[in-house]
Amino acid sequence: MDRHALRAALSAAGVPDDYYRIEGVHEPAPTPVDFLFVGRTADGAWETGAYERGTSETIARHPSEAAACAHLLRLLT
């Protein structure tokens, strides 16, 4: 699963758009106060995390986009 497939799966599952951010695919505006996210790190890894009250916290690092997307899907469904 890539980020585009993740977006489609979350939409199909009825997960509200402001519950998550998918780097480069789904970046809600205005930015919600709290949400879960998936994105690439500066060193090329992938991470899932939570953004709350202006602070990002990494939940897990992943070796691939597919693993990170699968993790975010599990967190949100």
PDB file of N, CA and C in Angstrom:
ATOM      1  N   MET A   1       0.849  -1.170   0.000  1.00  0.00           N
ATOM      2  CA  MET A   1       0.000   0.000   0.000  1.00  0.00           C
ATOM      3  C   MET A   1       0.899   1.239   0.000  1.00  0.00           C
ATOM      4  N   ASP A   2       0.580   2.178  -0.882  1.00  0.00           N
ATOM      5  CA  ASP A   2       1.289   3.455  -0.866  1.00  0.00           C
ATOM      6  C   ASP A   2       0.364   4.530  -0.275  1.00  0.00           C
ATOM      7  N   ARG A   3       0.834   5.767  -0.245  1.00  0.00           N
ATOM      8  CA  ARG A   3       0.065   6.846   0.374  1.00  0.00           C
ATOM      9  C   ARG A   3      -1.258   7.111  -0.337  1.00  0.00           C
ATOM     10  N   HIS A   4      -1.290   6.960  -1.648  1.00  0.00           N
ATOM     11  CA  HIS A   4      -2.542   7.183  -2.386  1.00  0.00           C
ATOM     12  C   HIS A   4      -3.565   6.092  -2.070  1.00  0.00           C
ATOM     13  N   ALA A   5      -3.118   4.859  -1.986  1.00  0.00           N
ATOM     14  CA  ALA A   5      -4.007   3.755  -1.619  1.00  0.00           C
ATOM     15  C   ALA A   5      -4.487   3.907  -0.176  1.00  0.00           C
ATOM     16  N   LEU A   6      -3.615   4.392   0.692  1.00  0.00           N
ATOM     17  CA  LEU A   6      -4.003   4.641   2.083  1.00  0.00           C
ATOM     18  C   LEU A   6      -5.123   5.667   2.139  1.00  0.00           C
ATOM     19  N   ARG A   7      -4.990   6.749   1.401  1.00  0.00           N
ATOM     20  CA  ARG A   7      -6.027   7.786   1.372  1.00  0.00           C
ATOM     21  C   ARG A   7      -7.355   7.200   0.922  1.00  0.00           C
ATOM     22  N   ALA A   8      -7.321   6.395  -0.126  1.00  0.00           N
ATOM     23  CA  ALA A   8      -8.541   5.766  -0.634  1.00  0.00           C
ATOM     24  C   ALA A   8      -9.154   4.829   0.411  1.00  0.00           C
ATOM     25  N   ALA A   9      -8.322   4.051   1.098  1.00  0.00           N
ATOM     26  CA  ALA A   9      -8.815   3.112   2.107  1.00  0.00           C
ATOM     27  C   ALA A   9      -9.435   3.844   3.294  1.00  0.00           C
ATOM     28  N   LEU A  10      -8.812   4.934   3.726  1.00  0.00           N
ATOM     29  CA  LEU A  10      -9.359   5.698   4.847  1.00  0.00           C
ATOM     30  C   LEU A  10     -10.681   6.364   4.460  1.00  0.00           C
ATOM     31  N   SER A  11     -10.761   6.874   3.258  1.00  0.00           N
ATOM     32  CA  SER A  11     -12.010   7.469   2.778  1.00  0.00           C
ATOM     33  C   SER A  11     -13.108   6.420   2.713  1.00  0.00           C
ATOM     34  N   ALA A  12     -12.783   5.239   2.161  1.00  0.00           N
ATOM     35  CA  ALA A  12     -13.759   4.158   2.051  1.00  0.00           C
ATOM     36  C   ALA A  12     -14.238   3.687   3.424  1.00  0.00           C
ATOM     37  N   ALA A  13     -13.355   3.760   4.415  1.00  0.00           N
ATOM     38  CA  ALA A  13     -13.714   3.339   5.774  1.00  0.00           C
ATOM     39  C   ALA A  13     -14.490   4.417   6.528  1.00  0.00           C
ATOM     40  N   GLY A  14     -14.625   5.592   5.928  1.00  0.00           N
ATOM     41  CA  GLY A  14     -15.381   6.665   6.567  1.00  0.00           C
ATOM     42  C   GLY A  14     -14.630   7.430   7.639  1.00  0.00           C
ATOM     43  N   VAL A  15     -13.308   7.340   7.629  1.00  0.00           N
ATOM     44  CA  VAL A  15     -12.504   8.081   8.607  1.00  0.00           C
ATOM     45  C   VAL A  15     -12.544   9.567   8.234  1.00  0.00           C
ATOM     46  N   PRO A  16     -12.940  10.431   9.161  1.00  0.00           N
ATOM     47  CA  PRO A  16     -13.022  11.865   8.851  1.00  0.00           C
ATOM     48  C   PRO A  16     -11.676  12.438   8.389  1.00  0.00           C
ATOM     49  N   ASP A  17     -11.740  13.341   7.408  1.00  0.00           N
ATOM     50  CA  ASP A  17     -10.533  13.924   6.815  1.00  0.00           C
ATOM     51  C   ASP A  17      -9.629  14.634   7.812  1.00  0.00           C
ATOM     52  N   ASP A  18     -10.182  15.186   8.864  1.00  0.00           N
ATOM     53  CA  ASP A  18      -9.346  15.939   9.801  1.00  0.00           C
ATOM     54  C   ASP A  18      -8.719  15.067  10.889  1.00  0.00           C
ATOM     55  N   TYR A  19      -8.852  13.758  10.796  1.00  0.00           N
ATOM     56  CA  TYR A  19      -8.223  12.844  11.751  1.00  0.00           C
ATOM     57  C   TYR A  19      -6.788  12.494  11.375  1.00  0.00           C
ATOM     58  N   TYR A  20      -6.373  12.816  10.125  1.00  0.00           N
ATOM     59  CA  TYR A  20      -5.057  12.356   9.665  1.00  0.00           C
ATOM     60  C   TYR A  20      -4.469  13.289   8.611  1.00  0.00           C
ATOM     61  N   ARG A  21      -3.136  13.152   8.460  1.00  0.00           N
ATOM     62  CA  ARG A  21      -2.378  13.856   7.426  1.00  0.00           C
ATOM     63  C   ARG A  21      -1.483  12.832   6.754  1.00  0.00           C
ATOM     64  N   ILE A  22      -1.490  12.824   5.433  1.00  0.00           N
ATOM     65  CA  ILE A  22      -0.639  11.932   4.659  1.00  0.00           C
ATOM     66  C   ILE A  22       0.263  12.832   3.822  1.00  0.00           C
ATOM     67  N   GLU A  23       1.526  12.841   4.134  1.00  0.00           N
ATOM     68  CA  GLU A  23       2.473  13.740   3.474  1.00  0.00           C
ATOM     69  C   GLU A  23       2.353  13.667   1.957  1.00  0.00           C
ATOM     70  N   GLY A  24       2.149  14.825   1.340  1.00  0.00           N
ATOM     71  CA  GLY A  24       2.098  14.930  -0.099  1.00  0.00           C
ATOM     72  C   GLY A  24       0.815  14.444  -0.756  1.00  0.00           C
ATOM     73  N   VAL A  25      -0.114  13.902   0.023  1.00  0.00           N
ATOM     74  CA  VAL A  25      -1.344  13.354  -0.536  1.00  0.00           C
ATOM     75  C   VAL A  25      -2.583  13.992   0.087  1.00  0.00           C
ATOM     76  N   HIS A  26      -2.596  14.080   1.403  1.00  0.00           N
ATOM     77  CA  HIS A  26      -3.750  14.643   2.112  1.00  0.00           C
ATOM     78  C   HIS A  26      -3.246  15.503   3.268  1.00  0.00           C
ATOM     79  N   GLU A  27      -3.335  16.811   3.074  1.00  0.00           N
ATOM     80  CA  GLU A  27      -2.897  17.755   4.099  1.00  0.00           C
ATOM     81  C   GLU A  27      -4.044  18.726   4.355  1.00  0.00           C
ATOM     82  N   PRO A  28      -4.906  18.394   5.336  1.00  0.00           N
ATOM     83  CA  PRO A  28      -6.107  19.181   5.566  1.00  0.00           C
ATOM     84  C   PRO A  28      -5.808  20.629   5.928  1.00  0.00           C
ATOM     85  N   ALA A  29      -6.665  21.524   5.430  1.00  0.00           N
ATOM     86  CA  ALA A  29      -6.537  22.953   5.746  1.00  0.00           C
ATOM     87  C   ALA A  29      -7.915  23.465   6.129  1.00  0.00           C
ATOM     88  N   PRO A  30      -8.026  24.193   7.195  1.00  0.00           N
ATOM     89  CA  PRO A  30      -6.937  24.546   8.094  1.00  0.00           C
ATOM     90  C   PRO A  30      -6.430  23.312   8.856  1.00  0.00           C
ATOM     91  N   THR A  31      -5.228  23.427   9.359  1.00  0.00           N
ATOM     92  CA  THR A  31      -4.615  22.314  10.087  1.00  0.00           C
ATOM     93  C   THR A  31      -5.417  22.018  11.350  1.00  0.00           C
ATOM     94  N   PRO A  32      -5.858  20.762  11.518  1.00  0.00           N
ATOM     95  CA  PRO A  32      -6.587  20.391  12.739  1.00  0.00           C
ATOM     96  C   PRO A  32      -5.695  20.530  13.978  1.00  0.00           C
ATOM     97  N   VAL A  33      -6.311  20.627  15.128  1.00  0.00           N
ATOM     98  CA  VAL A  33      -5.573  20.749  16.387  1.00  0.00           C
ATOM     99  C   VAL A  33      -4.824  19.456  16.699  1.00  0.00           C
ATOM    100  N   ASP A  34      -5.465  18.318  16.465  1.00  0.00           N
ATOM    101  CA  ASP A  34      -4.888  16.994  16.743  1.00  0.00           C
ATOM    102  C   ASP A  34      -5.130  16.091  15.547  1.00  0.00           C
ATOM    103  N   PHE A  35      -4.124  15.293  15.168  1.00  0.00           N
ATOM    104  CA  PHE A  35      -4.298  14.318  14.090  1.00  0.00           C
ATOM    105  C   PHE A  35      -3.153  13.327  14.103  1.00  0.00           C
ATOM    106  N   LEU A  36      -3.348  12.197  13.426  1.00  0.00           N
ATOM    107  CA  LEU A  36      -2.281  11.227  13.205  1.00  0.00           C
ATOM    108  C   LEU A  36      -1.686  11.489  11.832  1.00  0.00           C
ATOM    109  N   PHE A  37      -0.427  11.088  11.646  1.00  0.00           N
ATOM    110  CA  PHE A  37       0.224  11.375  10.363  1.00  0.00           C
ATOM    111  C   PHE A  37       1.158  10.269   9.926  1.00  0.00           C
ATOM    112  N   VAL A  38       1.465  10.283   8.626  1.00  0.00           N
ATOM    113  CA  VAL A  38       2.490   9.426   8.041  1.00  0.00           C
ATOM    114  C   VAL A  38       3.335  10.319   7.132  1.00  0.00           C
ATOM    115  N   GLY A  39       4.648  10.102   7.174  1.00  0.00           N
ATOM    116  CA  GLY A  39       5.527  10.891   6.332  1.00  0.00           C
ATOM    117  C   GLY A  39       6.939  10.340   6.323  1.00  0.00           C
ATOM    118  N   ARG A  40       7.730  10.894   5.431  1.00  0.00           N
ATOM    119  CA  ARG A  40       9.121  10.483   5.267  1.00  0.00           C
ATOM    120  C   ARG A  40      10.007  11.374   6.132  1.00  0.00           C
ATOM    121  N   THR A  41      11.016  10.788   6.728  1.00  0.00           N
ATOM    122  CA  THR A  41      11.954  11.533   7.554  1.00  0.00           C
ATOM    123  C   THR A  41      13.138  12.011   6.714  1.00  0.00           C
ATOM    124  N   ALA A  42      13.935  12.889   7.269  1.00  0.00           N
ATOM    125  CA  ALA A  42      15.097  13.429   6.559  1.00  0.00           C
ATOM    126  C   ALA A  42      16.102  12.340   6.172  1.00  0.00           C
ATOM    127  N   ASP A  43      16.158  11.266   6.968  1.00  0.00           N
ATOM    128  CA  ASP A  43      17.115  10.197   6.670  1.00  0.00           C
ATOM    129  C   ASP A  43      16.540   9.104   5.758  1.00  0.00           C
ATOM    130  N   GLY A  44      15.333   9.318   5.219  1.00  0.00           N
ATOM    131  CA  GLY A  44      14.754   8.387   4.265  1.00  0.00           C
ATOM    132  C   GLY A  44      13.854   7.315   4.837  1.00  0.00           C
ATOM    133  N   ALA A  45      13.740   7.254   6.156  1.00  0.00           N
ATOM    134  CA  ALA A  45      12.823   6.290   6.769  1.00  0.00           C
ATOM    135  C   ALA A  45      11.405   6.860   6.693  1.00  0.00           C
ATOM    136  N   TRP A  46      10.447   6.077   7.103  1.00  0.00           N
ATOM    137  CA  TRP A  46       9.056   6.511   7.172  1.00  0.00           C
ATOM    138  C   TRP A  46       8.622   6.462   8.622  1.00  0.00           C
ATOM    139  N   GLU A  47       7.724   7.350   9.000  1.00  0.00           N
ATOM    140  CA  GLU A  47       7.238   7.339  10.369  1.00  0.00           C
ATOM    141  C   GLU A  47       5.749   7.602  10.422  1.00  0.00           C
ATOM    142  N   THR A  48       5.151   7.069  11.475  1.00  0.00           N
ATOM    143  CA  THR A  48       3.787   7.409  11.824  1.00  0.00           C
ATOM    144  C   THR A  48       3.860   8.138  13.153  1.00  0.00           C
ATOM    145  N   GLY A  49       2.933   9.054  13.350  1.00  0.00           N
ATOM    146  CA  GLY A  49       2.987   9.811  14.583  1.00  0.00           C
ATOM    147  C   GLY A  49       1.690  10.529  14.881  1.00  0.00           C
ATOM    148  N   ALA A  50       1.742  11.304  15.945  1.00  0.00           N
ATOM    149  CA  ALA A  50       0.594  12.086  16.382  1.00  0.00           C
ATOM    150  C   ALA A  50       1.017  13.539  16.524  1.00  0.00           C
ATOM    151  N   TYR A  51       0.143  14.417  16.096  1.00  0.00           N
ATOM    152  CA  TYR A  51       0.332  15.863  16.248  1.00  0.00           C
ATOM    153  C   TYR A  51      -0.726  16.326  17.229  1.00  0.00           C
ATOM    154  N   GLU A  52      -0.282  16.933  18.311  1.00  0.00           N
ATOM    155  CA  GLU A  52      -1.212  17.382  19.338  1.00  0.00           C
ATOM    156  C   GLU A  52      -0.732  18.699  19.920  1.00  0.00           C
ATOM    157  N   ARG A  53      -1.607  19.696  19.858  1.00  0.00           N
ATOM    158  CA  ARG A  53      -1.331  21.018  20.425  1.00  0.00           C
ATOM    159  C   ARG A  53       0.007  21.592  19.973  1.00  0.00           C
ATOM    160  N   GLY A  54       0.287  21.472  18.687  1.00  0.00           N
ATOM    161  CA  GLY A  54       1.490  22.074  18.130  1.00  0.00           C
ATOM    162  C   GLY A  54       2.754  21.255  18.240  1.00  0.00           C
ATOM    163  N   THR A  55       2.651  20.034  18.738  1.00  0.00           N
ATOM    164  CA  THR A  55       3.830  19.191  18.910  1.00  0.00           C
ATOM    165  C   THR A  55       3.644  17.856  18.203  1.00  0.00           C
ATOM    166  N   SER A  56       4.634  17.460  17.415  1.00  0.00           N
ATOM    167  CA  SER A  56       4.612  16.161  16.748  1.00  0.00           C
ATOM    168  C   SER A  56       5.363  15.141  17.583  1.00  0.00           C
ATOM    169  N   GLU A  57       4.806  13.950  17.682  1.00  0.00           N
ATOM    170  CA  GLU A  57       5.453  12.858  18.400  1.00  0.00           C
ATOM    171  C   GLU A  57       5.450  11.620  17.516  1.00  0.00           C
ATOM    172  N   THR A  58       6.604  11.043  17.299  1.00  0.00           N
ATOM    173  CA  THR A  58       6.715   9.830  16.498  1.00  0.00           C
ATOM    174  C   THR A  58       6.195   8.651  17.303  1.00  0.00           C
ATOM    175  N   ILE A  59       5.312   7.878  16.686  1.00  0.00           N
ATOM    176  CA  ILE A  59       4.810   6.654  17.312  1.00  0.00           C
ATOM    177  C   ILE A  59       5.702   5.484  16.912  1.00  0.00           C
ATOM    178  N   ALA A  60       6.041   5.420  15.602  1.00  0.00           N
ATOM    179  CA  ALA A  60       6.882   4.322  15.115  1.00  0.00           C
ATOM    180  C   ALA A  60       7.620   4.745  13.852  1.00  0.00           C
ATOM    181  N   ARG A  61       8.815   4.177  13.673  1.00  0.00           N
ATOM    182  CA  ARG A  61       9.587   4.359  12.431  1.00  0.00           C
ATOM    183  C   ARG A  61       9.451   3.074  11.635  1.00  0.00           C
ATOM    184  N   HIS A  62       9.438   3.215  10.304  1.00  0.00           N
ATOM    185  CA  HIS A  62       9.205   2.073   9.423  1.00  0.00           C
ATOM    186  C   HIS A  62      10.238   2.065   8.301  1.00  0.00           C
ATOM    187  N   PRO A  63      10.609   0.879   7.817  1.00  0.00           N
ATOM    188  CA  PRO A  63      11.608   0.794   6.746  1.00  0.00           C
ATOM    189  C   PRO A  63      11.047   1.116   5.360  1.00  0.00           C
ATOM    190  N   SER A  64       9.716   1.144   5.243  1.00  0.00           N
ATOM    191  CA  SER A  64       9.127   1.372   3.918  1.00  0.00           C
ATOM    192  C   SER A  64       7.834   2.170   4.017  1.00  0.00           C
ATOM    193  N   GLU A  65       7.462   2.770   2.902  1.00  0.00           N
ATOM    194  CA  GLU A  65       6.194   3.485   2.813  1.00  0.00           C
ATOM    195  C   GLU A  65       5.027   2.539   3.079  1.00  0.00           C
ATOM    196  N   ALA A  66       5.100   1.346   2.527  1.00  0.00           N
ATOM    197  CA  ALA A  66       4.020   0.370   2.700  1.00  0.00           C
ATOM    198  C   ALA A  66       3.800   0.027   4.168  1.00  0.00           C
ATOM    199  N   ALA A  67       4.873  -0.182   4.905  1.00  0.00           N
ATOM    200  CA  ALA A  67       4.746  -0.514   6.325  1.00  0.00           C
ATOM    201  C   ALA A  67       4.161   0.658   7.114  1.00  0.00           C
ATOM    202  N   ALA A  68       4.597   1.860   6.809  1.00  0.00           N
ATOM    203  CA  ALA A  68       4.082   3.040   7.504  1.00  0.00           C
ATOM    204  C   ALA A  68       2.601   3.248   7.202  1.00  0.00           C
ATOM    205  N   CYS A  69       2.214   3.081   5.947  1.00  0.00           N
ATOM    206  CA  CYS A  69       0.808   3.246   5.566  1.00  0.00           C
ATOM    207  C   CYS A  69      -0.069   2.200   6.229  1.00  0.00           C
ATOM    208  N   ALA A  70       0.386   0.957   6.261  1.00  0.00           N
ATOM    209  CA  ALA A  70      -0.373  -0.101   6.913  1.00  0.00           C
ATOM    210  C   ALA A  70      -0.551   0.193   8.398  1.00  0.00           C
ATOM    211  N   HIS A  71       0.471   0.732   9.038  1.00  0.00           N
ATOM    212  CA  HIS A  71       0.384   1.073  10.453  1.00  0.00           C
ATOM    213  C   HIS A  71      -0.642   2.167  10.683  1.00  0.00           C
ATOM    214  N   LEU A  72      -0.611   3.226   9.878  1.00  0.00           N
ATOM    215  CA  LEU A  72      -1.580   4.313  10.063  1.00  0.00           C
ATOM    216  C   LEU A  72      -3.003   3.800   9.814  1.00  0.00           C
ATOM    217  N   LEU A  73      -3.176   2.938   8.845  1.00  0.00           N
ATOM    218  CA  LEU A  73      -4.496   2.372   8.587  1.00  0.00           C
ATOM    219  C   LEU A  73      -4.998   1.610   9.807  1.00  0.00           C
ATOM    220  N   ARG A  74      -4.130   0.820  10.430  1.00  0.00           N
ATOM    221  CA  ARG A  74      -4.519   0.072  11.637  1.00  0.00           C
ATOM    222  C   ARG A  74      -4.874   1.023  12.783  1.00  0.00           C
ATOM    223  N   LEU A  75      -4.124   2.114  12.910  1.00  0.00           N
ATOM    224  CA  LEU A  75      -4.393   3.075  13.984  1.00  0.00           C
ATOM    225  C   LEU A  75      -5.749   3.764  13.828  1.00  0.00           C
ATOM    226  N   LEU A  76      -6.156   3.973  12.598  1.00  0.00           N
ATOM    227  CA  LEU A  76      -7.359   4.769  12.345  1.00  0.00           C
ATOM    228  C   LEU A  76      -8.625   3.948  12.079  1.00  0.00           C
ATOM    229  N   THR A  77      -8.486   2.645  11.900  1.00  0.00           N
ATOM    230  CA  THR A  77      -9.681   1.830  11.614  1.00  0.00           C
ATOM    231  C   THR A  77      -9.851   0.734  12.640  1.00  0.00           C
TER     232      THR A  77
END
